[in-house]
Amino acid sequence: MKCIAIVTLAVALEGEKGYSRFRFLADLLSNDYDVDLITSTFQHWEKRQRNISMISGMKTKYGIRLAYEPGYKKNVDFRRIYSHKIAVKNIIKFLQKKQYDLIYCIIPDNNMAAAVGKYAKENRIKYIVDIEDLWPEAMEMVSPLPKIINSLIFSSFRKKAKEAYKYADGFVGTSDEYRDVPKNKYGIENKPAITVYVGCDLSEFDSGVKEFEKEIIKPEDEFWITYAGNLGSSYDIPTLIRAAQELYHTNAKIEVKILGGGPLENDFKAVAQERKCNVEFVGYTPYKKMAAYLSKSDILVNSFVKKAPQSIVTKIGDYLAAGKPMINTLSSPEFRKKVETDGFGINVEAENIESLKKCIRKLESTPCLVKTMGNSARTVAEKEFDRAKAYICIKELIENIIS
């Protein structure tokens, strides 16, 4: 049986906060390969060291290897860069302990993807890079420094990205834009590349709805608008809150539910206290309960600031699975086109209160449109975002490269 290593610094293991994408992939591949999931001792979303004894007792079809990492307190922090460097050194040590036939590695971290790629090349191991986010673009967006200084500081990230792509035998992008980054930005051509959305485990989502739907009480006369996700600098929660404040005086039945937490949570709460409004900060919600909240809502909001560099993000699979219309403020041309073409929502200009209010009023007053868009959303989720189906493409790419 051939051996595969999946390398990532960001994965939620069983019972942890965060994204389970690579755990799902490891489980899928374990049906046909000897798989090791190599990750960090540090849990990125919870910002704490993992309980190693508890994880060692987990029963999985794949091996879990934890490379020591000292940790950090903020997503954008020089300590994170240092912490990742330590983790990468220890990841390479794990790779040296076993003869792998293929390594599947996420980018970012750029330094990790470059170092792992170099090791794979030197040892004649097939190598696939999974492009899930863009560094340094995401970091530059939140940096308070002038553009020219950012360019100098983050130049090494671009260099490492090019190295990683050069070593790769194939690419998986979580959007077409990300899939084409090696070719369009770095001139890396003639290598197989596919798009596979992050998506969601539709069966897990639906079981969560069934388990918690009776716990989430929604009065019939309320109209829920829900955001679920991180409360950080990329996300335009203030505009959503201010729209709710202005709508309150004409339609008090409109309720905004904000699920999740993050570094700007207190700042966003302060905005909500400026004027009267029906805005509830629900806080961090376990995945299955979040699924029930989304399914009980009337509208879901994919809320981003104008300069956000993201493309088709993780939450989209869950939003679509809920079968509800989506208001999208993300500026990504690829995703805005998909919203229109697939008919599951409405694009609104980011940071525009009036446009957002107008869109909310339109949907709230047109139940038939809400139903039609919601049905389209669920259809797209089943066809393109259900991991059980979509990730077969990753498995096929691996089979082609490893053979």
Protein backbone atom coordinates (compact mmCIF):
# COMPACT_ATOMS: atom_id res chain seq x y z
CA MET A 1 0.00 0.00 0.00
CA LYS A 2 1.40 3.39 -0.99
CA CYS A 3 1.98 6.02 1.70
CA ILE A 4 0.69 9.60 1.70
CA ALA A 5 1.46 12.44 4.10
CA ILE A 6 -1.02 15.30 4.43
CA VAL A 7 0.80 18.32 5.86
CA THR A 8 -1.04 21.30 7.35
CA LEU A 9 -0.65 23.65 10.31
CA ALA A 10 -4.40 24.34 10.38
CA VAL A 11 -6.78 21.45 10.91
CA ALA A 12 -9.48 20.85 13.48
CA LEU A 13 -9.18 17.38 14.92
CA GLU A 14 -12.19 15.63 16.43
CA GLY A 15 -13.84 17.86 19.04
CA GLU A 16 -11.79 20.99 18.22
CA LYS A 17 -12.80 24.38 16.84
CA GLY A 18 -11.92 25.18 13.27
CA TYR A 19 -11.99 23.61 9.83
CA SER A 20 -12.09 19.83 9.39
CA ARG A 21 -11.25 19.79 5.67
CA PHE A 22 -7.96 17.89 5.88
CA ARG A 23 -9.32 15.50 8.47
CA PHE A 24 -12.05 14.61 5.99
CA LEU A 25 -9.51 14.20 3.18
CA ALA A 26 -7.28 11.98 5.34
CA ASP A 27 -10.25 9.77 6.16
CA LEU A 28 -11.26 9.53 2.49
CA LEU A 29 -7.77 8.62 1.28
CA SER A 30 -7.29 6.08 4.06
CA ASN A 31 -9.63 3.71 2.25
CA ASP A 32 -6.90 3.10 -0.36
CA TYR A 33 -3.64 4.43 1.08
CA ASP A 34 -1.53 4.41 4.24
CA VAL A 35 -2.13 8.03 5.33
CA ASP A 36 -0.50 10.22 7.97
CA LEU A 37 -1.96 13.60 8.88
CA ILE A 38 1.01 15.70 9.99
CA THR A 39 0.07 18.88 11.83
CA SER A 40 1.06 21.02 14.80
CA THR A 41 0.88 20.62 18.56
CA PHE A 42 -0.58 24.14 18.55
CA GLN A 43 -4.29 24.55 17.80
CA HIS A 44 -4.57 27.58 15.51
CA TRP A 45 -8.20 28.55 16.15
CA GLU A 46 -8.14 28.01 19.90
CA LYS A 47 -4.63 29.48 20.31
CA ARG A 48 -3.53 26.77 22.72
CA GLN A 49 -1.41 23.63 22.85
CA ARG A 50 -3.26 20.43 22.07
CA ASN A 51 -3.90 17.68 24.60
CA ILE A 52 -1.48 15.15 23.10
CA SER A 53 -2.56 12.25 25.31
CA MET A 54 -6.20 12.75 24.29
CA ILE A 55 -5.30 12.89 20.59
CA SER A 56 -3.12 9.79 20.83
CA GLY A 57 -6.20 7.94 22.06
CA MET A 58 -8.31 8.89 19.03
CA LYS A 59 -9.39 6.04 16.81
CA THR A 60 -8.80 7.03 13.20
CA LYS A 61 -8.09 5.18 9.96
CA TYR A 62 -5.04 7.40 9.49
CA GLY A 63 -2.07 8.30 11.64
CA ILE A 64 -1.90 11.65 13.43
CA ARG A 65 1.58 13.13 13.83
CA LEU A 66 1.98 16.28 15.94
CA ALA A 67 5.05 18.43 15.26
CA TYR A 68 5.97 20.70 18.18
CA GLU A 69 5.19 24.40 17.70
CA PRO A 70 5.58 27.05 20.45
CA GLY A 71 2.46 29.02 19.44
CA TYR A 72 1.34 32.63 19.07
CA LYS A 73 -1.49 34.92 20.19
CA LYS A 74 -2.54 36.70 16.99
CA ASN A 75 -3.14 35.62 13.39
CA VAL A 76 -0.96 38.43 12.08
CA ASP A 77 2.05 38.45 14.36
CA PHE A 78 5.83 38.09 13.99
CA ARG A 79 5.63 35.44 16.71
CA ARG A 80 3.45 33.41 14.36
CA ILE A 81 6.18 33.49 11.71
CA TYR A 82 8.75 32.32 14.27
CA SER A 83 6.37 29.68 15.62
CA HIS A 84 5.73 28.28 12.15
CA LYS A 85 9.48 28.06 11.46
CA ILE A 86 9.91 25.81 14.49
CA ALA A 87 6.94 23.69 13.42
CA VAL A 88 8.29 23.28 9.88
CA LYS A 89 11.65 21.97 11.16
CA ASN A 90 9.81 19.38 13.22
CA ILE A 91 7.50 18.46 10.33
CA ILE A 92 10.54 17.67 8.17
CA LYS A 93 11.79 15.37 10.94
CA PHE A 94 8.51 13.46 10.80
CA LEU A 95 8.76 13.16 7.01
CA GLN A 96 12.24 11.69 7.38
CA LYS A 97 10.96 8.86 9.56
CA LYS A 98 8.90 7.20 6.83
CA GLN A 99 9.17 6.63 3.09
CA TYR A 100 6.23 8.45 1.56
CA ASP A 101 5.12 8.12 -2.06
CA LEU A 102 3.30 11.45 -2.11
CA ILE A 103 3.07 14.54 0.10
CA TYR A 104 -0.05 16.70 0.01
CA CYS A 105 0.69 20.10 1.57
CA ILE A 106 -1.37 23.22 2.20
CA ILE A 107 -0.21 26.74 1.40
CA PRO A 108 -0.05 28.94 3.46
CA ASP A 109 2.28 28.72 5.39
CA ASN A 110 4.54 29.61 2.42
CA ASN A 111 7.75 28.68 4.22
CA MET A 112 6.30 25.28 5.11
CA ALA A 113 5.14 24.58 1.55
CA ALA A 114 8.56 25.54 0.17
CA ALA A 115 10.51 23.49 2.74
CA VAL A 116 8.30 20.42 2.33
CA GLY A 117 8.46 20.78 -1.45
CA LYS A 118 12.25 20.94 -1.37
CA TYR A 119 12.36 17.81 0.77
CA ALA A 120 9.99 16.03 -1.62
CA LYS A 121 12.06 17.01 -4.65
CA GLU A 122 15.33 15.89 -3.06
CA ASN A 123 13.84 12.53 -2.12
CA ARG A 124 11.91 11.93 -5.35
CA ILE A 125 8.53 12.08 -3.64
CA LYS A 126 5.50 13.30 -5.59
CA TYR A 127 4.21 16.63 -4.28
CA ILE A 128 0.82 18.38 -4.47
CA VAL A 129 0.19 21.91 -3.19
CA ASP A 130 -3.28 22.80 -1.92
CA ILE A 131 -3.83 26.57 -2.29
CA GLU A 132 -6.27 27.65 0.41
CA ASP A 133 -5.29 31.29 0.99
CA LEU A 134 -2.93 33.91 -0.39
CA TRP A 135 0.03 35.13 1.62
CA PRO A 136 1.26 37.85 1.82
CA GLU A 137 -1.85 39.46 0.30
CA ALA A 138 -4.01 38.67 3.33
CA MET A 139 -1.34 40.02 5.70
CA GLU A 140 -0.78 43.20 3.70
CA MET A 141 -4.48 43.97 3.95
CA VAL A 142 -4.35 44.30 7.74
CA SER A 143 -0.86 45.77 8.05
CA PRO A 144 -0.81 49.42 9.21
CA LEU A 145 2.50 50.05 7.39
CA PRO A 146 2.85 51.89 4.04
CA LYS A 147 2.52 49.78 0.89
CA ILE A 148 6.20 50.10 -0.08
CA ILE A 149 7.33 48.90 3.36
CA ASN A 150 4.88 45.99 3.25
CA SER A 151 6.29 45.04 -0.13
CA LEU A 152 9.79 44.81 1.33
CA ILE A 153 8.75 43.02 4.53
CA PHE A 154 6.64 40.42 2.75
CA SER A 155 8.85 39.84 -0.28
CA SER A 156 10.14 36.60 1.26
CA PHE A 157 6.58 35.22 1.30
CA ARG A 158 6.36 35.65 -2.46
CA LYS A 159 9.74 34.03 -2.92
CA LYS A 160 8.71 31.02 -0.84
CA ALA A 161 5.41 30.70 -2.69
CA LYS A 162 7.24 30.54 -6.02
CA GLU A 163 9.60 27.88 -4.62
CA ALA A 164 6.67 25.77 -3.39
CA TYR A 165 4.90 25.95 -6.75
CA LYS A 166 8.12 25.13 -8.61
CA TYR A 167 8.55 21.89 -6.63
CA ALA A 168 4.92 20.79 -7.07
CA ASP A 169 3.71 18.04 -9.40
CA GLY A 170 0.14 19.32 -9.23
CA PHE A 171 -2.17 21.88 -7.65
CA VAL A 172 -5.55 21.97 -5.94
CA GLY A 173 -7.15 25.41 -5.61
CA THR A 174 -10.16 26.22 -3.46
CA SER A 175 -11.30 28.52 -6.27
CA ASP A 176 -10.38 29.01 -9.92
CA GLU A 177 -8.51 32.17 -8.93
CA TYR A 178 -6.38 30.28 -6.40
CA ARG A 179 -5.90 27.33 -8.75
CA ASP A 180 -4.40 29.63 -11.38
CA VAL A 181 -2.08 31.58 -9.03
CA PRO A 182 1.03 29.46 -9.86
CA LYS A 183 0.56 30.14 -13.58
CA ASN A 184 -0.75 33.71 -13.51
CA LYS A 185 1.46 35.14 -10.76
CA TYR A 186 4.58 32.99 -10.89
CA GLY A 187 4.73 31.60 -14.44
CA ILE A 188 4.55 27.96 -13.33
CA GLU A 189 2.91 26.13 -16.26
CA ASN A 190 2.22 22.65 -17.64
CA LYS A 191 1.27 21.07 -14.32
CA PRO A 192 -2.14 19.53 -13.59
CA ALA A 193 -4.41 21.84 -11.57
CA ILE A 194 -7.99 21.44 -10.39
CA THR A 195 -10.53 23.47 -8.44
CA VAL A 196 -12.20 21.84 -5.45
CA TYR A 197 -14.19 24.10 -3.14
CA VAL A 198 -13.55 23.76 0.59
CA GLY A 199 -17.18 22.69 0.86
CA CYS A 200 -18.76 20.87 3.77
CA ASP A 201 -19.73 17.40 4.89
CA LEU A 202 -23.39 17.61 3.91
CA SER A 203 -24.39 14.60 5.98
CA GLU A 204 -22.81 16.13 9.10
CA PHE A 205 -24.50 19.48 8.38
CA ASP A 206 -27.91 17.86 7.99
CA SER A 207 -27.48 15.78 11.15
CA GLY A 208 -26.67 18.99 13.03
CA VAL A 209 -29.86 20.62 11.78
CA LYS A 210 -31.88 17.61 12.88
CA GLU A 211 -30.18 17.45 16.28
CA PHE A 212 -30.52 21.13 17.23
CA GLU A 213 -33.49 22.49 15.27
CA LYS A 214 -35.84 22.26 18.26
CA GLU A 215 -33.30 24.05 20.47
CA ILE A 216 -33.16 27.11 18.18
CA ILE A 217 -36.45 28.94 18.77
CA LYS A 218 -37.41 31.43 16.05
CA PRO A 219 -40.70 33.35 16.47
CA GLU A 220 -42.84 33.34 13.33
CA ASP A 221 -42.96 37.13 13.11
CA GLU A 222 -39.15 37.56 13.12
CA PHE A 223 -36.97 37.79 10.02
CA TRP A 224 -33.45 36.53 10.76
CA ILE A 225 -30.34 37.74 8.95
CA THR A 226 -27.32 35.69 9.99
CA TYR A 227 -23.55 35.98 9.70
CA ALA A 228 -21.37 33.07 10.80
CA GLY A 229 -17.60 33.17 10.99
CA ASN A 230 -14.58 35.07 12.22
CA LEU A 231 -14.93 38.57 13.67
CA GLY A 232 -11.75 40.06 12.26
CA SER A 233 -10.49 42.79 9.97
CA SER A 234 -11.56 41.15 6.70
CA TYR A 235 -15.22 41.06 7.69
CA ASP A 236 -17.53 44.04 7.33
CA ILE A 237 -19.72 43.49 10.37
CA PRO A 238 -20.09 47.25 11.18
CA THR A 239 -21.99 47.88 7.92
CA LEU A 240 -24.34 44.99 8.70
CA ILE A 241 -24.95 46.37 12.20
CA ARG A 242 -25.56 49.93 10.96
CA ALA A 243 -28.00 48.65 8.37
CA ALA A 244 -29.86 46.88 11.19
CA GLN A 245 -29.88 50.09 13.22
CA GLU A 246 -31.50 52.04 10.38
CA LEU A 247 -33.98 49.28 9.61
CA TYR A 248 -35.03 48.97 13.26
CA HIS A 249 -37.24 52.07 13.18
CA THR A 250 -39.25 50.89 10.18
CA ASN A 251 -39.17 47.13 10.68
CA ALA A 252 -38.48 45.95 14.22
CA LYS A 253 -39.04 42.30 13.28
CA ILE A 254 -35.69 42.17 11.45
CA GLU A 255 -33.12 40.42 13.65
CA VAL A 256 -29.39 40.11 12.97
CA LYS A 257 -27.64 37.07 14.45
CA ILE A 258 -23.82 37.10 14.56
CA LEU A 259 -22.26 33.70 15.17
CA GLY A 260 -18.57 33.38 15.95
CA GLY A 261 -15.78 35.26 17.67
CA GLY A 262 -12.52 36.97 16.87
CA PRO A 263 -10.10 39.81 17.60
CA LEU A 264 -12.56 42.61 16.76
CA GLU A 265 -15.57 41.20 18.58
CA ASN A 266 -15.59 43.92 21.23
CA ASP A 267 -15.19 46.63 18.58
CA PHE A 268 -18.19 45.28 16.69
CA LYS A 269 -20.23 45.10 19.89
CA ALA A 270 -19.40 48.76 20.53
CA VAL A 271 -20.86 49.65 17.12
CA ALA A 272 -24.06 47.80 18.04
CA GLN A 273 -24.35 49.88 21.21
CA GLU A 274 -24.24 53.19 19.32
CA ARG A 275 -27.92 53.02 18.38
CA LYS A 276 -30.85 50.77 19.14
CA CYS A 277 -31.05 47.67 16.97
CA ASN A 278 -31.95 43.99 17.01
CA VAL A 279 -28.45 42.55 16.83
CA GLU A 280 -27.46 39.51 18.86
CA PHE A 281 -23.89 38.30 19.25
CA VAL A 282 -24.47 34.59 19.72
CA GLY A 283 -20.75 33.83 20.15
CA TYR A 284 -18.85 30.73 19.14
CA THR A 285 -21.29 28.00 18.18
CA PRO A 286 -20.33 24.32 17.71
CA TYR A 287 -20.61 23.25 14.09
CA LYS A 288 -23.79 21.20 14.31
CA LYS A 289 -25.60 23.87 16.29
CA MET A 290 -24.40 26.51 13.82
CA ALA A 291 -25.96 24.41 11.04
CA ALA A 292 -29.31 24.61 12.84
CA TYR A 293 -28.99 28.40 13.21
CA LEU A 294 -28.27 28.79 9.50
CA SER A 295 -31.20 26.62 8.52
CA LYS A 296 -33.58 28.59 10.79
CA SER A 297 -32.45 31.93 9.31
CA ASP A 298 -34.12 33.75 6.43
CA ILE A 299 -31.01 35.34 4.86
CA LEU A 300 -27.30 34.62 5.24
CA VAL A 301 -24.66 37.31 4.75
CA ASN A 302 -21.19 36.74 3.31
CA SER A 303 -19.88 40.02 4.67
CA PHE A 304 -16.42 41.30 3.66
CA VAL A 305 -14.67 44.66 3.44
CA LYS A 306 -13.85 46.03 -0.02
CA LYS A 307 -10.15 45.20 -0.01
CA ALA A 308 -10.52 41.64 1.32
CA PRO A 309 -8.40 39.32 -0.88
CA GLN A 310 -10.44 36.17 -0.23
CA SER A 311 -12.11 34.15 -2.96
CA ILE A 312 -14.55 31.27 -2.28
CA VAL A 313 -14.22 30.86 1.47
CA THR A 314 -14.93 27.97 3.81
CA LYS A 315 -18.31 29.18 5.08
CA ILE A 316 -19.86 29.18 1.60
CA GLY A 317 -20.43 25.43 1.69
CA ASP A 318 -22.33 25.73 4.98
CA TYR A 319 -24.34 28.73 3.80
CA LEU A 320 -25.42 26.91 0.65
CA ALA A 321 -26.20 23.72 2.56
CA ALA A 322 -28.69 25.69 4.68
CA GLY A 323 -30.77 26.35 1.57
CA LYS A 324 -31.11 30.09 2.21
CA PRO A 325 -30.49 33.11 -0.05
CA MET A 326 -27.15 34.82 0.36
CA ILE A 327 -26.26 38.49 0.39
CA ASN A 328 -22.66 38.71 -0.79
CA THR A 329 -20.37 41.71 -0.30
CA LEU A 330 -17.13 39.91 -1.19
CA SER A 331 -15.47 41.65 -4.13
CA SER A 332 -14.03 38.50 -5.74
CA PRO A 333 -15.12 38.60 -9.42
CA GLU A 334 -15.20 34.81 -9.54
CA PHE A 335 -17.56 34.45 -6.61
CA ARG A 336 -19.76 37.42 -7.58
CA LYS A 337 -20.25 35.82 -10.99
CA LYS A 338 -21.14 32.51 -9.34
CA VAL A 339 -23.73 34.19 -7.11
CA GLU A 340 -25.45 35.63 -10.18
CA THR A 341 -25.05 32.64 -12.52
CA ASP A 342 -26.21 30.04 -9.99
CA GLY A 343 -28.99 32.28 -8.70
CA PHE A 344 -28.58 31.67 -4.97
CA GLY A 345 -28.16 35.27 -3.85
CA ILE A 346 -27.60 38.95 -4.51
CA ASN A 347 -24.30 40.81 -4.77
CA VAL A 348 -24.08 44.08 -2.85
CA GLU A 349 -21.27 46.62 -2.83
CA ALA A 350 -19.10 46.20 0.25
CA GLU A 351 -19.28 48.87 2.99
CA ASN A 352 -22.44 50.39 1.44
CA ILE A 353 -25.19 50.69 4.07
CA GLU A 354 -27.87 51.90 1.67
CA SER A 355 -27.32 49.09 -0.82
CA LEU A 356 -27.38 46.52 1.96
CA LYS A 357 -30.60 47.96 3.41
CA LYS A 358 -32.24 47.96 -0.01
CA CYS A 359 -31.30 44.33 -0.58
CA ILE A 360 -32.60 43.25 2.83
CA ARG A 361 -35.91 45.02 2.23
CA LYS A 362 -36.25 43.40 -1.19
CA LEU A 363 -35.76 39.90 0.16
CA GLU A 364 -37.86 40.46 3.29
CA SER A 365 -40.79 41.65 1.16
CA THR A 366 -40.52 38.92 -1.50
CA PRO A 367 -40.98 35.48 0.10
CA CYS A 368 -41.16 33.74 -3.29
CA LEU A 369 -37.70 35.10 -4.22
CA VAL A 370 -36.30 33.93 -0.87
CA LYS A 371 -37.67 30.45 -1.51
CA THR A 372 -36.37 30.29 -5.10
CA MET A 373 -32.87 31.44 -4.15
CA GLY A 374 -32.83 29.11 -1.17
CA ASN A 375 -33.69 26.12 -3.36
CA SER A 376 -30.92 27.09 -5.77
CA ALA A 377 -28.46 27.34 -2.89
CA ARG A 378 -29.18 23.82 -1.67
CA THR A 379 -28.94 22.43 -5.21
CA VAL A 380 -25.49 24.00 -5.69
CA ALA A 381 -24.40 22.65 -2.29
CA GLU A 382 -25.38 19.11 -3.25
CA LYS A 383 -23.75 19.24 -6.68
CA GLU A 384 -20.51 21.16 -6.02
CA PHE A 385 -19.83 21.62 -2.29
CA ASP A 386 -20.54 18.23 -0.72
CA ARG A 387 -17.10 16.87 0.21
CA ALA A 388 -18.15 13.26 -0.20
CA LYS A 389 -18.61 13.93 -3.92
CA ALA A 390 -16.31 16.88 -4.62
CA TYR A 391 -13.18 15.45 -2.97
CA ILE A 392 -13.20 12.46 -5.31
CA CYS A 393 -11.51 14.84 -7.77
CA ILE A 394 -8.61 15.26 -5.32
CA LYS A 395 -8.34 11.50 -4.97
CA GLU A 396 -8.27 11.11 -8.76
CA LEU A 397 -5.53 13.74 -9.09
CA ILE A 398 -3.48 11.92 -6.45
CA GLU A 399 -3.98 8.60 -8.23
CA ASN A 400 -2.82 10.06 -11.54
CA ILE A 401 0.29 11.66 -10.02
CA ILE A 402 1.28 8.85 -7.67
CA SER A 403 1.03 6.22 -10.41
